[in-house]
């Protein structure tokens, strides 16, 4: 046989008192929410972002990953060339400084791809 808890009948005055307490607490909570000076802090989730913002963020993330991959491949090829020709980083730095010093090589100029055909 199951145990059943017998509930005591609650008189109407007690019900009314509890309702007033709950109503007062609810009204006070609403006032605190409306008050900009209130220190009442309600935890919220992350801000809602639009689908376009999420797609833009994903695109930027993919571009960054591609850039990192290109840089990794460049470094790998660069190191392979240096080792193939037996040049270390110090010698390369000296060569670049000499070329820049004599004005043979300009630092901020990117050489154009040779697309012109000579007749």
Protein backbone atom coordinates (compact mmCIF):
# COMPACT_ATOMS: atom_id res chain seq x y z
CA UNK A 1 0.00 0.00 0.00
CA UNK A 2 1.38 3.36 -1.00
CA UNK A 3 1.99 6.06 1.51
CA UNK A 4 -0.13 9.07 0.76
CA UNK A 5 0.61 12.35 2.40
CA UNK A 6 -2.50 13.95 3.71
CA UNK A 7 -2.54 17.63 2.90
CA UNK A 8 -3.91 19.93 5.50
CA UNK A 9 -6.58 22.24 4.28
CA UNK A 10 -5.20 25.76 3.87
CA UNK A 11 -7.58 28.44 4.95
CA UNK A 12 -8.45 31.33 2.68
CA UNK A 13 -6.53 33.90 4.75
CA UNK A 14 -3.30 31.93 4.40
CA UNK A 15 -3.83 31.60 0.65
CA UNK A 16 -4.42 35.35 0.40
CA UNK A 17 -1.30 36.14 2.48
CA UNK A 18 0.90 33.91 0.28
CA UNK A 19 -0.56 35.43 -2.88
CA UNK A 20 0.18 38.97 -1.62
CA UNK A 21 3.76 38.00 -0.75
CA UNK A 22 4.25 36.53 -4.20
CA UNK A 23 2.63 39.53 -5.86
CA UNK A 24 4.83 41.96 -3.89
CA UNK A 25 7.99 40.03 -4.75
CA UNK A 26 7.01 39.96 -8.43
CA UNK A 27 6.27 43.70 -8.46
CA UNK A 28 9.60 44.44 -6.79
CA UNK A 29 11.45 42.30 -9.35
CA UNK A 30 9.73 44.21 -12.18
CA UNK A 31 10.71 47.55 -10.65
CA UNK A 32 14.32 46.42 -10.40
CA UNK A 33 14.30 45.38 -14.05
CA UNK A 34 12.94 48.77 -15.12
CA UNK A 35 15.42 50.74 -13.02
CA UNK A 36 18.59 51.47 -15.10
CA UNK A 37 20.52 52.27 -11.90
CA UNK A 38 19.71 48.89 -10.42
CA UNK A 39 22.55 46.52 -9.74
CA UNK A 40 20.21 43.66 -10.49
CA UNK A 41 22.03 41.47 -12.97
CA UNK A 42 20.13 38.98 -15.04
CA UNK A 43 22.34 36.38 -16.72
CA UNK A 44 21.67 36.26 -20.41
CA UNK A 45 23.01 34.18 -23.25
CA UNK A 46 25.29 35.36 -25.99
CA UNK A 47 23.97 38.17 -28.20
CA UNK A 48 21.83 37.08 -31.09
CA UNK A 49 23.62 37.45 -34.42
CA UNK A 50 22.08 37.57 -37.82
CA UNK A 51 22.58 34.83 -40.37
CA UNK A 52 24.52 37.25 -42.58
CA UNK A 53 26.90 38.02 -39.71
CA UNK A 54 27.42 34.32 -39.05
CA UNK A 55 28.09 33.67 -42.74
CA UNK A 56 30.54 36.61 -42.86
CA UNK A 57 32.32 35.28 -39.79
CA UNK A 58 32.53 31.82 -41.36
CA UNK A 59 33.89 33.29 -44.59
CA UNK A 60 36.52 35.29 -42.69
CA UNK A 61 37.49 32.17 -40.76
CA UNK A 62 37.91 30.19 -43.98
CA UNK A 63 39.98 32.98 -45.53
CA UNK A 64 42.21 33.10 -42.47
CA UNK A 65 42.71 29.33 -42.58
CA UNK A 66 43.58 29.53 -46.30
CA UNK A 67 46.05 32.35 -45.61
CA UNK A 68 47.70 30.32 -42.86
CA UNK A 69 47.96 27.33 -45.19
CA UNK A 70 49.53 29.48 -47.94
CA UNK A 71 52.04 30.85 -45.43
CA UNK A 72 52.89 27.34 -44.24
CA UNK A 73 53.44 26.14 -47.81
CA UNK A 74 55.55 29.21 -48.62
CA UNK A 75 57.76 28.67 -45.58
CA UNK A 76 58.14 25.00 -46.46
CA UNK A 77 59.17 25.81 -50.04
CA UNK A 78 61.45 28.62 -48.89
CA UNK A 79 63.27 26.34 -46.44
CA UNK A 80 63.58 23.66 -49.15
CA UNK A 81 65.19 26.20 -51.53
CA UNK A 82 67.60 27.42 -48.88
CA UNK A 83 68.70 23.89 -48.06
CA UNK A 84 68.91 22.92 -51.76
CA UNK A 85 71.29 25.79 -52.50
CA UNK A 86 73.13 25.54 -49.19
CA UNK A 87 72.25 29.05 -48.05
CA UNK A 88 71.53 29.77 -44.42
CA UNK A 89 69.34 32.57 -43.07
CA UNK A 90 72.27 34.75 -41.99
CA UNK A 91 73.87 34.68 -45.48
CA UNK A 92 70.52 35.47 -47.08
CA UNK A 93 70.00 38.43 -44.73
CA UNK A 94 73.49 39.78 -45.64
CA UNK A 95 72.73 39.42 -49.36
CA UNK A 96 69.42 41.28 -49.01
CA UNK A 97 71.05 44.07 -47.00
CA UNK A 98 73.77 44.44 -49.64
CA UNK A 99 71.24 44.57 -52.49
CA UNK A 100 69.15 47.13 -50.64
CA UNK A 101 72.25 49.16 -49.70
CA UNK A 102 73.41 49.43 -53.31
CA UNK A 103 69.91 50.26 -54.53
CA UNK A 104 69.80 47.17 -56.73
CA UNK A 105 66.73 45.91 -54.95
CA UNK A 106 63.92 48.08 -53.63
CA UNK A 107 62.20 46.89 -50.48
CA UNK A 108 58.55 47.83 -51.06
CA UNK A 109 58.31 47.12 -54.78
CA UNK A 110 56.59 43.93 -55.87
CA UNK A 111 57.91 42.77 -59.24
CA UNK A 112 55.22 42.34 -61.87
CA UNK A 113 54.80 38.94 -63.44
CA UNK A 114 56.47 38.81 -66.80
CA UNK A 115 53.48 38.64 -69.10
CA UNK A 116 54.87 40.72 -71.93
CA UNK A 117 56.13 38.87 -74.93
CA UNK A 118 59.30 39.97 -76.61
CA UNK A 119 59.14 40.08 -80.41
